[in-house]
């Protein structure tokens, strides 16, 4: 009963809040998603091409037997993944250019780049 009353009061004072929340979820679904696989110290694909000036999601999956870490010093992003885990990062619109990233647990072999065109 308290929950119903709270929702009623909320809808009186913030009538556009709930549709705004739904709109935000719909906009997130429309965001382009790119996939990256980390496995045994390697990154696949090593080069990702994305549209410049467009927000996008990067879905990173670790199929290796040990931990992996997506890291980009240029983009100020990092993401640690246990074996078998998939997680996502959201990137704000980038200027055209090349941005390096690497697997911090395998810096010698786990190198990649994002090219924003």
PDB file of N, CA and C in Angstrom:
ATOM      1  N   UNK A   1       0.825  -1.189   0.000  1.00  0.00           N
ATOM      2  CA  UNK A   1       0.000   0.000   0.000  1.00  0.00           C
ATOM      3  C   UNK A   1       0.870   1.255   0.000  1.00  0.00           C
ATOM      4  N   UNK A   2       1.936   1.259   0.826  1.00  0.00           N
ATOM      5  CA  UNK A   2       2.815   2.423   0.882  1.00  0.00           C
ATOM      6  C   UNK A   2       3.497   2.658  -0.460  1.00  0.00           C
ATOM      7  N   UNK A   3       3.850   1.584  -1.126  1.00  0.00           N
ATOM      8  CA  UNK A   3       4.517   1.708  -2.418  1.00  0.00           C
ATOM      9  C   UNK A   3       3.597   2.361  -3.443  1.00  0.00           C
ATOM     10  N   UNK A   4       2.335   1.942  -3.477  1.00  0.00           N
ATOM     11  CA  UNK A   4       1.368   2.517  -4.415  1.00  0.00           C
ATOM     12  C   UNK A   4       1.175   4.004  -4.136  1.00  0.00           C
ATOM     13  N   UNK A   5       1.082   4.363  -2.872  1.00  0.00           N
ATOM     14  CA  UNK A   5       0.904   5.765  -2.494  1.00  0.00           C
ATOM     15  C   UNK A   5       2.143   6.577  -2.896  1.00  0.00           C
ATOM     16  N   UNK A   6       3.314   6.005  -2.656  1.00  0.00           N
ATOM     17  CA  UNK A   6       4.554   6.692  -3.009  1.00  0.00           C
ATOM     18  C   UNK A   6       4.632   6.931  -4.518  1.00  0.00           C
ATOM     19  N   UNK A   7       4.275   5.931  -5.317  1.00  0.00           N
ATOM     20  CA  UNK A   7       4.278   6.089  -6.774  1.00  0.00           C
ATOM     21  C   UNK A   7       3.272   7.148  -7.217  1.00  0.00           C
ATOM     22  N   UNK A   8       2.101   7.190  -6.563  1.00  0.00           N
ATOM     23  CA  UNK A   8       1.092   8.188  -6.897  1.00  0.00           C
ATOM     24  C   UNK A   8       1.637   9.589  -6.620  1.00  0.00           C
ATOM     25  N   UNK A   9       2.220   9.792  -5.445  1.00  0.00           N
ATOM     26  CA  UNK A   9       2.783  11.103  -5.089  1.00  0.00           C
ATOM     27  C   UNK A   9       3.918  11.459  -6.033  1.00  0.00           C
ATOM     28  N   UNK A  10       4.770  10.489  -6.334  1.00  0.00           N
ATOM     29  CA  UNK A  10       5.886  10.716  -7.245  1.00  0.00           C
ATOM     30  C   UNK A  10       5.380  11.170  -8.616  1.00  0.00           C
ATOM     31  N   UNK A  11       4.315  10.510  -9.109  1.00  0.00           N
ATOM     32  CA  UNK A  11       3.788  10.859 -10.429  1.00  0.00           C
ATOM     33  C   UNK A  11       3.148  12.248 -10.444  1.00  0.00           C
ATOM     34  N   UNK A  12       2.646  12.716  -9.311  1.00  0.00           N
ATOM     35  CA  UNK A  12       2.081  14.064  -9.243  1.00  0.00           C
ATOM     36  C   UNK A  12       3.166  15.145  -9.362  1.00  0.00           C
ATOM     37  N   UNK A  13       4.272  14.922  -8.683  1.00  0.00           N
ATOM     38  CA  UNK A  13       5.331  15.931  -8.645  1.00  0.00           C
ATOM     39  C   UNK A  13       6.347  15.793  -9.777  1.00  0.00           C
ATOM     40  N   UNK A  14       6.487  14.592 -10.301  1.00  0.00           N
ATOM     41  CA  UNK A  14       7.454  14.353 -11.366  1.00  0.00           C
ATOM     42  C   UNK A  14       6.794  13.579 -12.506  1.00  0.00           C
ATOM     43  N   UNK A  15       5.811  14.174 -13.199  1.00  0.00           N
ATOM     44  CA  UNK A  15       5.044  13.416 -14.196  1.00  0.00           C
ATOM     45  C   UNK A  15       5.872  12.962 -15.395  1.00  0.00           C
ATOM     46  N   UNK A  16       6.975  13.633 -15.681  1.00  0.00           N
ATOM     47  CA  UNK A  16       7.780  13.247 -16.841  1.00  0.00           C
ATOM     48  C   UNK A  16       8.957  12.359 -16.475  1.00  0.00           C
ATOM     49  N   UNK A  17       9.168  12.105 -15.204  1.00  0.00           N
ATOM     50  CA  UNK A  17      10.339  11.341 -14.779  1.00  0.00           C
ATOM     51  C   UNK A  17      10.293   9.898 -15.264  1.00  0.00           C
ATOM     52  N   UNK A  18       9.168   9.213 -15.105  1.00  0.00           N
ATOM     53  CA  UNK A  18       9.092   7.820 -15.502  1.00  0.00           C
ATOM     54  C   UNK A  18       9.241   7.637 -17.008  1.00  0.00           C
ATOM     55  N   UNK A  19       8.554   8.418 -17.860  1.00  0.00           N
ATOM     56  CA  UNK A  19       8.807   8.278 -19.297  1.00  0.00           C
ATOM     57  C   UNK A  19      10.260   8.592 -19.647  1.00  0.00           C
ATOM     58  N   UNK A  20      10.871   9.509 -18.933  1.00  0.00           N
ATOM     59  CA  UNK A  20      12.275   9.846 -19.187  1.00  0.00           C
ATOM     60  C   UNK A  20      13.190   8.684 -18.889  1.00  0.00           C
ATOM     61  N   UNK A  21      12.889   7.932 -17.836  1.00  0.00           N
ATOM     62  CA  UNK A  21      13.676   6.753 -17.492  1.00  0.00           C
ATOM     63  C   UNK A  21      13.540   5.713 -18.589  1.00  0.00           C
ATOM     64  N   UNK A  22      12.325   5.520 -19.093  1.00  0.00           N
ATOM     65  CA  UNK A  22      12.102   4.559 -20.162  1.00  0.00           C
ATOM     66  C   UNK A  22      12.795   5.001 -21.445  1.00  0.00           C
ATOM     67  N   UNK A  23      12.773   6.294 -21.739  1.00  0.00           N
ATOM     68  CA  UNK A  23      13.441   6.813 -22.928  1.00  0.00           C
ATOM     69  C   UNK A  23      14.931   6.587 -22.829  1.00  0.00           C
ATOM     70  N   UNK A  24      15.513   6.799 -21.655  1.00  0.00           N
ATOM     71  CA  UNK A  24      16.941   6.575 -21.460  1.00  0.00           C
ATOM     72  C   UNK A  24      17.320   5.131 -21.721  1.00  0.00           C
ATOM     73  N   UNK A  25      16.490   4.196 -21.286  1.00  0.00           N
ATOM     74  CA  UNK A  25      16.753   2.780 -21.530  1.00  0.00           C
ATOM     75  C   UNK A  25      16.665   2.463 -23.016  1.00  0.00           C
ATOM     76  N   UNK A  26      15.700   3.063 -23.711  1.00  0.00           N
ATOM     77  CA  UNK A  26      15.562   2.833 -25.146  1.00  0.00           C
ATOM     78  C   UNK A  26      16.766   3.381 -25.899  1.00  0.00           C
ATOM     79  N   UNK A  27      17.248   4.549 -25.494  1.00  0.00           N
ATOM     80  CA  UNK A  27      18.409   5.135 -26.158  1.00  0.00           C
ATOM     81  C   UNK A  27      19.655   4.286 -25.929  1.00  0.00           C
ATOM     82  N   UNK A  28      19.797   3.684 -24.760  1.00  0.00           N
ATOM     83  CA  UNK A  28      20.946   2.831 -24.473  1.00  0.00           C
ATOM     84  C   UNK A  28      20.927   1.597 -25.368  1.00  0.00           C
ATOM     85  N   UNK A  29      19.728   1.060 -25.668  1.00  0.00           N
ATOM     86  CA  UNK A  29      19.622  -0.105 -26.531  1.00  0.00           C
ATOM     87  C   UNK A  29      20.034   0.215 -27.962  1.00  0.00           C
ATOM     88  N   UNK A  30      19.887   1.471 -28.387  1.00  0.00           N
ATOM     89  CA  UNK A  30      20.221   1.864 -29.745  1.00  0.00           C
ATOM     90  C   UNK A  30      21.709   2.154 -29.922  1.00  0.00           C
ATOM     91  N   UNK A  31      22.461   2.182 -28.833  1.00  0.00           N
ATOM     92  CA  UNK A  31      23.884   2.479 -28.890  1.00  0.00           C
ATOM     93  C   UNK A  31      24.606   1.344 -29.623  1.00  0.00           C
ATOM     94  N   UNK A  32      25.481   1.664 -30.601  1.00  0.00           N
ATOM     95  CA  UNK A  32      26.225   0.600 -31.279  1.00  0.00           C
ATOM     96  C   UNK A  32      27.109  -0.151 -30.285  1.00  0.00           C
ATOM     97  N   UNK A  33      27.170  -1.471 -30.450  1.00  0.00           N
ATOM     98  CA  UNK A  33      27.970  -2.320 -29.569  1.00  0.00           C
ATOM     99  C   UNK A  33      29.013  -3.068 -30.392  1.00  0.00           C
ATOM    100  N   UNK A  34      30.244  -3.043 -29.900  1.00  0.00           N
ATOM    101  CA  UNK A  34      31.356  -3.751 -30.532  1.00  0.00           C
ATOM    102  C   UNK A  34      31.874  -4.779 -29.548  1.00  0.00           C
ATOM    103  N   UNK A  35      32.317  -5.931 -30.061  1.00  0.00           N
ATOM    104  CA  UNK A  35      32.754  -7.023 -29.191  1.00  0.00           C
ATOM    105  C   UNK A  35      34.258  -7.232 -29.298  1.00  0.00           C
ATOM    106  N   UNK A  36      34.837  -7.535 -28.134  1.00  0.00           N
ATOM    107  CA  UNK A  36      36.269  -7.770 -28.032  1.00  0.00           C
ATOM    108  C   UNK A  36      36.457  -9.040 -27.210  1.00  0.00           C
ATOM    109  N   UNK A  37      37.333  -9.921 -27.675  1.00  0.00           N
ATOM    110  CA  UNK A  37      37.609 -11.174 -26.992  1.00  0.00           C
ATOM    111  C   UNK A  37      39.045 -11.166 -26.481  1.00  0.00           C
ATOM    112  N   UNK A  38      39.223 -11.511 -25.219  1.00  0.00           N
ATOM    113  CA  UNK A  38      40.553 -11.642 -24.630  1.00  0.00           C
ATOM    114  C   UNK A  38      40.729 -13.116 -24.279  1.00  0.00           C
ATOM    115  N   UNK A  39      41.831 -13.702 -24.800  1.00  0.00           N
ATOM    116  CA  UNK A  39      42.031 -15.141 -24.600  1.00  0.00           C
ATOM    117  C   UNK A  39      43.522 -15.459 -24.614  1.00  0.00           C
ATOM    118  N   UNK A  40      43.995 -16.045 -23.520  1.00  0.00           N
ATOM    119  CA  UNK A  40      45.375 -16.513 -23.411  1.00  0.00           C
ATOM    120  C   UNK A  40      46.389 -15.436 -23.783  1.00  0.00           C
ATOM    121  N   UNK A  41      46.172 -14.232 -23.286  1.00  0.00           N
ATOM    122  CA  UNK A  41      47.122 -13.150 -23.509  1.00  0.00           C
ATOM    123  C   UNK A  41      46.999 -12.455 -24.852  1.00  0.00           C
ATOM    124  N   UNK A  42      45.998 -12.775 -25.621  1.00  0.00           N
ATOM    125  CA  UNK A  42      45.772 -12.162 -26.936  1.00  0.00           C
ATOM    126  C   UNK A  42      44.426 -11.448 -26.947  1.00  0.00           C
ATOM    127  N   UNK A  43      44.306 -10.499 -27.880  1.00  0.00           N
ATOM    128  CA  UNK A  43      43.069  -9.736 -28.038  1.00  0.00           C
ATOM    129  C   UNK A  43      42.568  -9.900 -29.464  1.00  0.00           C
ATOM    130  N   UNK A  44      41.279 -10.211 -29.608  1.00  0.00           N
ATOM    131  CA  UNK A  44      40.671 -10.415 -30.926  1.00  0.00           C
ATOM    132  C   UNK A  44      39.420  -9.562 -31.056  1.00  0.00           C
ATOM    133  N   UNK A  45      39.246  -8.775 -32.069  1.00  0.00           N
ATOM    134  CA  UNK A  45      40.268  -8.396 -33.035  1.00  0.00           C
ATOM    135  C   UNK A  45      41.240  -7.395 -32.414  1.00  0.00           C
ATOM    136  N   UNK A  46      42.404  -7.295 -32.999  1.00  0.00           N
ATOM    137  CA  UNK A  46      43.404  -6.353 -32.497  1.00  0.00           C
ATOM    138  C   UNK A  46      43.048  -4.912 -32.865  1.00  0.00           C
ATOM    139  N   UNK A  47      42.283  -4.745 -33.939  1.00  0.00           N
ATOM    140  CA  UNK A  47      41.871  -3.413 -34.380  1.00  0.00           C
ATOM    141  C   UNK A  47      40.355  -3.340 -34.462  1.00  0.00           C
ATOM    142  N   UNK A  48      39.801  -2.345 -33.792  1.00  0.00           N
ATOM    143  CA  UNK A  48      38.359  -2.080 -33.852  1.00  0.00           C
ATOM    144  C   UNK A  48      38.152  -0.744 -34.543  1.00  0.00           C
ATOM    145  N   UNK A  49      37.331  -0.722 -35.580  1.00  0.00           N
ATOM    146  CA  UNK A  49      36.981   0.541 -36.231  1.00  0.00           C
ATOM    147  C   UNK A  49      35.608   0.966 -35.737  1.00  0.00           C
ATOM    148  N   UNK A  50      35.531   2.203 -35.253  1.00  0.00           N
ATOM    149  CA  UNK A  50      34.271   2.749 -34.738  1.00  0.00           C
ATOM    150  C   UNK A  50      34.036   4.103 -35.394  1.00  0.00           C
ATOM    151  N   UNK A  51      32.779   4.537 -35.473  1.00  0.00           N
ATOM    152  CA  UNK A  51      32.519   5.861 -36.030  1.00  0.00           C
ATOM    153  C   UNK A  51      32.968   6.951 -35.048  1.00  0.00           C
ATOM    154  N   UNK A  52      33.645   7.956 -35.569  1.00  0.00           N
ATOM    155  CA  UNK A  52      34.047   9.101 -34.741  1.00  0.00           C
ATOM    156  C   UNK A  52      32.798   9.870 -34.316  1.00  0.00           C
ATOM    157  N   UNK A  53      32.908  10.549 -33.204  1.00  0.00           N
ATOM    158  CA  UNK A  53      31.846  11.425 -32.695  1.00  0.00           C
ATOM    159  C   UNK A  53      30.536  10.672 -32.423  1.00  0.00           C
ATOM    160  N   UNK A  54      30.660   9.391 -32.066  1.00  0.00           N
ATOM    161  CA  UNK A  54      29.488   8.572 -31.760  1.00  0.00           C
ATOM    162  C   UNK A  54      29.739   7.798 -30.472  1.00  0.00           C
ATOM    163  N   UNK A  55      28.814   7.860 -29.554  1.00  0.00           N
ATOM    164  CA  UNK A  55      28.902   7.091 -28.319  1.00  0.00           C
ATOM    165  C   UNK A  55      28.698   5.616 -28.659  1.00  0.00           C
ATOM    166  N   UNK A  56      29.475   4.722 -28.019  1.00  0.00           N
ATOM    167  CA  UNK A  56      29.320   3.297 -28.287  1.00  0.00           C
ATOM    168  C   UNK A  56      29.654   2.471 -27.051  1.00  0.00           C
ATOM    169  N   UNK A  57      29.245   1.221 -27.112  1.00  0.00           N
ATOM    170  CA  UNK A  57      29.489   0.265 -26.032  1.00  0.00           C
ATOM    171  C   UNK A  57      30.505  -0.760 -26.540  1.00  0.00           C
ATOM    172  N   UNK A  58      31.452  -1.113 -25.671  1.00  0.00           N
ATOM    173  CA  UNK A  58      32.414  -2.169 -25.976  1.00  0.00           C
ATOM    174  C   UNK A  58      32.155  -3.316 -25.012  1.00  0.00           C
ATOM    175  N   UNK A  59      31.795  -4.459 -25.564  1.00  0.00           N
ATOM    176  CA  UNK A  59      31.550  -5.666 -24.771  1.00  0.00           C
ATOM    177  C   UNK A  59      32.824  -6.502 -24.803  1.00  0.00           C
ATOM    178  N   UNK A  60      33.413  -6.709 -23.640  1.00  0.00           N
ATOM    179  CA  UNK A  60      34.687  -7.418 -23.534  1.00  0.00           C
ATOM    180  C   UNK A  60      34.458  -8.756 -22.841  1.00  0.00           C
ATOM    181  N   UNK A  61      34.939  -9.823 -23.474  1.00  0.00           N
ATOM    182  CA  UNK A  61      34.786 -11.165 -22.913  1.00  0.00           C
ATOM    183  C   UNK A  61      36.159 -11.781 -22.692  1.00  0.00           C
ATOM    184  N   UNK A  62      36.358 -12.378 -21.522  1.00  0.00           N
ATOM    185  CA  UNK A  62      37.607 -13.076 -21.217  1.00  0.00           C
ATOM    186  C   UNK A  62      37.356 -14.578 -21.314  1.00  0.00           C
ATOM    187  N   UNK A  63      37.901 -15.207 -22.352  1.00  0.00           N
ATOM    188  CA  UNK A  63      37.776 -16.654 -22.517  1.00  0.00           C
ATOM    189  C   UNK A  63      39.035 -17.384 -22.081  1.00  0.00           C
ATOM    190  N   UNK A  64      39.976 -16.651 -21.500  1.00  0.00           N
ATOM    191  CA  UNK A  64      41.230 -17.268 -21.075  1.00  0.00           C
ATOM    192  C   UNK A  64      41.112 -17.993 -19.749  1.00  0.00           C
ATOM    193  N   UNK A  65      42.160 -18.766 -19.406  1.00  0.00           N
ATOM    194  CA  UNK A  65      42.152 -19.500 -18.147  1.00  0.00           C
ATOM    195  C   UNK A  65      42.463 -18.615 -16.929  1.00  0.00           C
ATOM    196  N   UNK A  66      42.995 -17.417 -17.164  1.00  0.00           N
ATOM    197  CA  UNK A  66      43.330 -16.508 -16.070  1.00  0.00           C
ATOM    198  C   UNK A  66      42.671 -15.153 -16.259  1.00  0.00           C
ATOM    199  N   UNK A  67      42.941 -14.265 -15.325  1.00  0.00           N
ATOM    200  CA  UNK A  67      42.376 -12.916 -15.389  1.00  0.00           C
ATOM    201  C   UNK A  67      42.944 -12.141 -16.569  1.00  0.00           C
ATOM    202  N   UNK A  68      42.163 -11.160 -17.027  1.00  0.00           N
ATOM    203  CA  UNK A  68      42.587 -10.258 -18.099  1.00  0.00           C
ATOM    204  C   UNK A  68      42.140  -8.853 -17.711  1.00  0.00           C
ATOM    205  N   UNK A  69      42.833  -7.857 -18.252  1.00  0.00           N
ATOM    206  CA  UNK A  69      42.458  -6.472 -17.959  1.00  0.00           C
ATOM    207  C   UNK A  69      42.549  -5.619 -19.209  1.00  0.00           C
ATOM    208  N   UNK A  70      41.404  -5.121 -19.656  1.00  0.00           N
ATOM    209  CA  UNK A  70      41.369  -4.137 -20.734  1.00  0.00           C
ATOM    210  C   UNK A  70      41.812  -2.821 -20.126  1.00  0.00           C
ATOM    211  N   UNK A  71      42.820  -2.184 -20.737  1.00  0.00           N
ATOM    212  CA  UNK A  71      43.265  -0.884 -20.232  1.00  0.00           C
ATOM    213  C   UNK A  71      43.693   0.008 -21.388  1.00  0.00           C
ATOM    214  N   UNK A  72      43.278   1.266 -21.309  1.00  0.00           N
ATOM    215  CA  UNK A  72      43.709   2.294 -22.253  1.00  0.00           C
ATOM    216  C   UNK A  72      44.063   3.535 -21.454  1.00  0.00           C
ATOM    217  N   UNK A  73      45.328   3.882 -21.484  1.00  0.00           N
ATOM    218  CA  UNK A  73      45.775   5.083 -20.778  1.00  0.00           C
ATOM    219  C   UNK A  73      45.252   6.330 -21.485  1.00  0.00           C
ATOM    220  N   UNK A  74      45.253   6.297 -22.816  1.00  0.00           N
ATOM    221  CA  UNK A  74      44.775   7.443 -23.604  1.00  0.00           C
ATOM    222  C   UNK A  74      43.303   7.744 -23.349  1.00  0.00           C
ATOM    223  N   UNK A  75      42.505   6.678 -23.242  1.00  0.00           N
ATOM    224  CA  UNK A  75      41.059   6.839 -23.074  1.00  0.00           C
ATOM    225  C   UNK A  75      40.640   6.811 -21.606  1.00  0.00           C
ATOM    226  N   UNK A  76      41.596   6.580 -20.729  1.00  0.00           N
ATOM    227  CA  UNK A  76      41.325   6.531 -19.279  1.00  0.00           C
ATOM    228  C   UNK A  76      40.231   5.512 -18.951  1.00  0.00           C
ATOM    229  N   UNK A  77      40.420   4.296 -19.494  1.00  0.00           N
ATOM    230  CA  UNK A  77      39.473   3.211 -19.259  1.00  0.00           C
ATOM    231  C   UNK A  77      40.236   1.969 -18.819  1.00  0.00           C
ATOM    232  N   UNK A  78      39.648   1.250 -17.871  1.00  0.00           N
ATOM    233  CA  UNK A  78      40.187  -0.053 -17.496  1.00  0.00           C
ATOM    234  C   UNK A  78      39.065  -0.939 -16.989  1.00  0.00           C
ATOM    235  N   UNK A  79      39.257  -2.235 -17.201  1.00  0.00           N
ATOM    236  CA  UNK A  79      38.226  -3.193 -16.850  1.00  0.00           C
ATOM    237  C   UNK A  79      38.898  -4.539 -16.587  1.00  0.00           C
ATOM    238  N   UNK A  80      38.808  -5.036 -15.357  1.00  0.00           N
ATOM    239  CA  UNK A  80      39.388  -6.334 -14.994  1.00  0.00           C
ATOM    240  C   UNK A  80      38.313  -7.399 -15.136  1.00  0.00           C
ATOM    241  N   UNK A  81      38.698  -8.517 -15.766  1.00  0.00           N
ATOM    242  CA  UNK A  81      37.751  -9.606 -15.993  1.00  0.00           C
ATOM    243  C   UNK A  81      38.316 -10.925 -15.497  1.00  0.00           C
ATOM    244  N   UNK A  82      37.560 -11.632 -14.692  1.00  0.00           N
ATOM    245  CA  UNK A  82      37.903 -12.985 -14.281  1.00  0.00           C
ATOM    246  C   UNK A  82      37.664 -13.915 -15.472  1.00  0.00           C
ATOM    247  N   UNK A  83      38.220 -15.124 -15.436  1.00  0.00           N
ATOM    248  CA  UNK A  83      37.975 -16.070 -16.533  1.00  0.00           C
ATOM    249  C   UNK A  83      36.484 -16.319 -16.744  1.00  0.00           C
ATOM    250  N   UNK A  84      36.054 -16.291 -18.020  1.00  0.00           N
ATOM    251  CA  UNK A  84      34.666 -16.561 -18.373  1.00  0.00           C
ATOM    252  C   UNK A  84      33.709 -15.399 -18.203  1.00  0.00           C
ATOM    253  N   UNK A  85      34.203 -14.239 -17.804  1.00  0.00           N
ATOM    254  CA  UNK A  85      33.349 -13.085 -17.539  1.00  0.00           C
ATOM    255  C   UNK A  85      33.246 -12.187 -18.770  1.00  0.00           C
ATOM    256  N   UNK A  86      32.057 -11.617 -18.976  1.00  0.00           N
ATOM    257  CA  UNK A  86      31.814 -10.623 -20.025  1.00  0.00           C
ATOM    258  C   UNK A  86      31.299  -9.363 -19.343  1.00  0.00           C
ATOM    259  N   UNK A  87      31.912  -8.219 -19.680  1.00  0.00           N
ATOM    260  CA  UNK A  87      31.486  -6.929 -19.127  1.00  0.00           C
ATOM    261  C   UNK A  87      31.536  -5.886 -20.240  1.00  0.00           C
ATOM    262  N   UNK A  88      30.909  -4.745 -19.969  1.00  0.00           N
ATOM    263  CA  UNK A  88      30.841  -3.689 -20.984  1.00  0.00           C
ATOM    264  C   UNK A  88      31.384  -2.374 -20.468  1.00  0.00           C
ATOM    265  N   UNK A  89      31.897  -1.589 -21.399  1.00  0.00           N
ATOM    266  CA  UNK A  89      32.344  -0.221 -21.161  1.00  0.00           C
ATOM    267  C   UNK A  89      31.617   0.673 -22.147  1.00  0.00           C
ATOM    268  N   UNK A  90      31.253   1.874 -21.719  1.00  0.00           N
ATOM    269  CA  UNK A  90      30.638   2.845 -22.625  1.00  0.00           C
ATOM    270  C   UNK A  90      31.664   3.932 -22.910  1.00  0.00           C
ATOM    271  N   UNK A  91      31.839   4.233 -24.190  1.00  0.00           N
ATOM    272  CA  UNK A  91      32.784   5.250 -24.629  1.00  0.00           C
ATOM    273  C   UNK A  91      32.017   6.462 -25.135  1.00  0.00           C
ATOM    274  N   UNK A  92      32.430   7.615 -24.687  1.00  0.00           N
ATOM    275  CA  UNK A  92      31.841   8.855 -25.178  1.00  0.00           C
ATOM    276  C   UNK A  92      32.376   9.128 -26.576  1.00  0.00           C
ATOM    277  N   UNK A  93      31.715   9.968 -27.350  1.00  0.00           N
ATOM    278  CA  UNK A  93      32.169  10.257 -28.704  1.00  0.00           C
ATOM    279  C   UNK A  93      33.646  10.669 -28.741  1.00  0.00           C
ATOM    280  N   UNK A  94      34.370  10.066 -29.680  1.00  0.00           N
ATOM    281  CA  UNK A  94      35.806  10.324 -29.823  1.00  0.00           C
ATOM    282  C   UNK A  94      36.089  11.143 -31.066  1.00  0.00           C
ATOM    283  N   UNK A  95      37.147  11.905 -31.001  1.00  0.00           N
ATOM    284  CA  UNK A  95      37.643  12.589 -32.188  1.00  0.00           C
ATOM    285  C   UNK A  95      38.259  11.536 -33.104  1.00  0.00           C
ATOM    286  N   UNK A  96      38.286  11.799 -34.423  1.00  0.00           N
ATOM    287  CA  UNK A  96      38.950  10.843 -35.316  1.00  0.00           C
ATOM    288  C   UNK A  96      40.401  10.636 -34.873  1.00  0.00           C
ATOM    289  N   UNK A  97      40.829   9.387 -34.916  1.00  0.00           N
ATOM    290  CA  UNK A  97      42.203   9.079 -34.521  1.00  0.00           C
ATOM    291  C   UNK A  97      42.345   7.627 -34.110  1.00  0.00           C
ATOM    292  N   UNK A  98      43.544   7.294 -33.638  1.00  0.00           N
ATOM    293  CA  UNK A  98      43.868   5.947 -33.199  1.00  0.00           C
ATOM    294  C   UNK A  98      44.156   5.975 -31.702  1.00  0.00           C
ATOM    295  N   UNK A  99      43.539   5.053 -30.978  1.00  0.00           N
ATOM    296  CA  UNK A  99      43.662   4.990 -29.531  1.00  0.00           C
ATOM    297  C   UNK A  99      44.112   3.583 -29.138  1.00  0.00           C
ATOM    298  N   UNK A 100      45.238   3.477 -28.466  1.00  0.00           N
ATOM    299  CA  UNK A 100      45.789   2.180 -28.083  1.00  0.00           C
ATOM    300  C   UNK A 100      45.148   1.658 -26.799  1.00  0.00           C
ATOM    301  N   UNK A 101      45.079   0.318 -26.711  1.00  0.00           N
ATOM    302  CA  UNK A 101      44.668  -0.354 -25.481  1.00  0.00           C
ATOM    303  C   UNK A 101      45.479  -1.635 -25.350  1.00  0.00           C
ATOM    304  N   UNK A 102      45.454  -2.248 -24.169  1.00  0.00           N
ATOM    305  CA  UNK A 102      46.242  -3.460 -23.949  1.00  0.00           C
ATOM    306  C   UNK A 102      45.648  -4.270 -22.802  1.00  0.00           C
ATOM    307  N   UNK A 103      46.102  -5.514 -22.713  1.00  0.00           N
ATOM    308  CA  UNK A 103      45.767  -6.381 -21.584  1.00  0.00           C
ATOM    309  C   UNK A 103      46.879  -6.170 -20.563  1.00  0.00           C
ATOM    310  N   UNK A 104      46.561  -5.541 -19.456  1.00  0.00           N
ATOM    311  CA  UNK A 104      47.576  -5.187 -18.457  1.00  0.00           C
ATOM    312  C   UNK A 104      48.235  -6.421 -17.829  1.00  0.00           C
ATOM    313  N   UNK A 105      47.568  -7.578 -17.886  1.00  0.00           N
ATOM    314  CA  UNK A 105      48.173  -8.805 -17.368  1.00  0.00           C
ATOM    315  C   UNK A 105      49.073  -9.479 -18.405  1.00  0.00           C
ATOM    316  N   UNK A 106      48.944  -9.084 -19.664  1.00  0.00           N
ATOM    317  CA  UNK A 106      49.751  -9.648 -20.755  1.00  0.00           C
ATOM    318  C   UNK A 106      50.184  -8.518 -21.696  1.00  0.00           C
ATOM    319  N   UNK A 107      50.950  -7.540 -21.206  1.00  0.00           N
ATOM    320  CA  UNK A 107      51.267  -6.363 -22.024  1.00  0.00           C
ATOM    321  C   UNK A 107      52.133  -6.656 -23.250  1.00  0.00           C
ATOM    322  N   UNK A 108      52.876  -7.741 -23.229  1.00  0.00           N
ATOM    323  CA  UNK A 108      53.737  -8.072 -24.362  1.00  0.00           C
ATOM    324  C   UNK A 108      52.937  -8.567 -25.572  1.00  0.00           C
ATOM    325  N   UNK A 109      51.913  -9.373 -25.312  1.00  0.00           N
ATOM    326  CA  UNK A 109      51.163  -9.989 -26.417  1.00  0.00           C
ATOM    327  C   UNK A 109      49.751  -9.416 -26.594  1.00  0.00           C
ATOM    328  N   UNK A 110      49.206  -8.824 -25.575  1.00  0.00           N
ATOM    329  CA  UNK A 110      47.827  -8.324 -25.629  1.00  0.00           C
ATOM    330  C   UNK A 110      47.773  -6.839 -25.955  1.00  0.00           C
ATOM    331  N   UNK A 111      47.928  -6.521 -27.223  1.00  0.00           N
ATOM    332  CA  UNK A 111      47.918  -5.133 -27.696  1.00  0.00           C
ATOM    333  C   UNK A 111      46.796  -4.951 -28.713  1.00  0.00           C
ATOM    334  N   UNK A 112      46.175  -3.768 -28.698  1.00  0.00           N
ATOM    335  CA  UNK A 112      45.139  -3.481 -29.675  1.00  0.00           C
ATOM    336  C   UNK A 112      44.980  -1.994 -29.866  1.00  0.00           C
ATOM    337  N   UNK A 113      44.059  -1.634 -30.755  1.00  0.00           N
ATOM    338  CA  UNK A 113      43.782  -0.218 -31.003  1.00  0.00           C
ATOM    339  C   UNK A 113      42.358  -0.035 -31.486  1.00  0.00           C
ATOM    340  N   UNK A 114      41.833   1.125 -31.149  1.00  0.00           N
ATOM    341  CA  UNK A 114      40.530   1.563 -31.637  1.00  0.00           C
ATOM    342  C   UNK A 114      40.791   2.673 -32.622  1.00  0.00           C
ATOM    343  N   UNK A 115      40.241   2.543 -33.816  1.00  0.00           N
ATOM    344  CA  UNK A 115      40.370   3.593 -34.823  1.00  0.00           C
ATOM    345  C   UNK A 115      39.001   4.243 -34.986  1.00  0.00           C
ATOM    346  N   UNK A 116      38.935   5.516 -34.645  1.00  0.00           N
ATOM    347  CA  UNK A 116      37.691   6.277 -34.801  1.00  0.00           C
ATOM    348  C   UNK A 116      37.784   7.028 -36.127  1.00  0.00           C
ATOM    349  N   UNK A 117      36.834   6.727 -37.023  1.00  0.00           N
ATOM    350  CA  UNK A 117      36.823   7.369 -38.355  1.00  0.00           C
ATOM    351  C   UNK A 117      35.563   8.175 -38.528  1.00  0.00           C
TER     352      UNK A 117
END
